[in-house]
């Protein structure tokens, strides 16, 4: 069995490469530019919501707190009348990218640690590149991508956006696999 501590270099290097790749995907390549749609009357909707000073968080409209509330005619009327929405309210002002970028890098380290753990228990020192690639790639893809599908299933997030993010996860998984295959202990 390979120890996880012997895999610190591929864990960190794959996180760096995924970080760079995700920056290129989101800042250079055009396919994520229209993931979020603009409301036709954006200014009016923002002006209507502003007086409520909604704190940052996740909200549902309408929102029933219990199963019994969901059965009440008043709630069903609200659902039928609409709009029905799941929304995330962010803090006012430009996005603070620093904290998000640090968290993304930490997340990439965590994915690498779990991919290393699974692969280290499945393979030995000196395992062939393609065996390492297969285990790490699958594990990393699971870590980066499969949970994204839940948002489209349950929160009705646009499937096109979700599938593009799952494609990104495949790229991140393949890059992680390549680094581990290259640096696997011999």
Foldseek 3Di string as FASTA:
>chain_A
DDDLVLVLVLLLVLLVVLLVVVCCCPPPDDPCVCLDDDDPPNVVVCVVCVVVCDDFDKDWVPDDPDPVSCPDPVNVVSVVVDDTAIDGDDDDDDDPVPVVSVVSSVLSSVLSSQLSVQLPVVDDAPDALVSLLVSQLVSQLVSQADVLVVCCVPRVRDPSNNVVSSVSSSVSSNSSSNSCSVSGHD
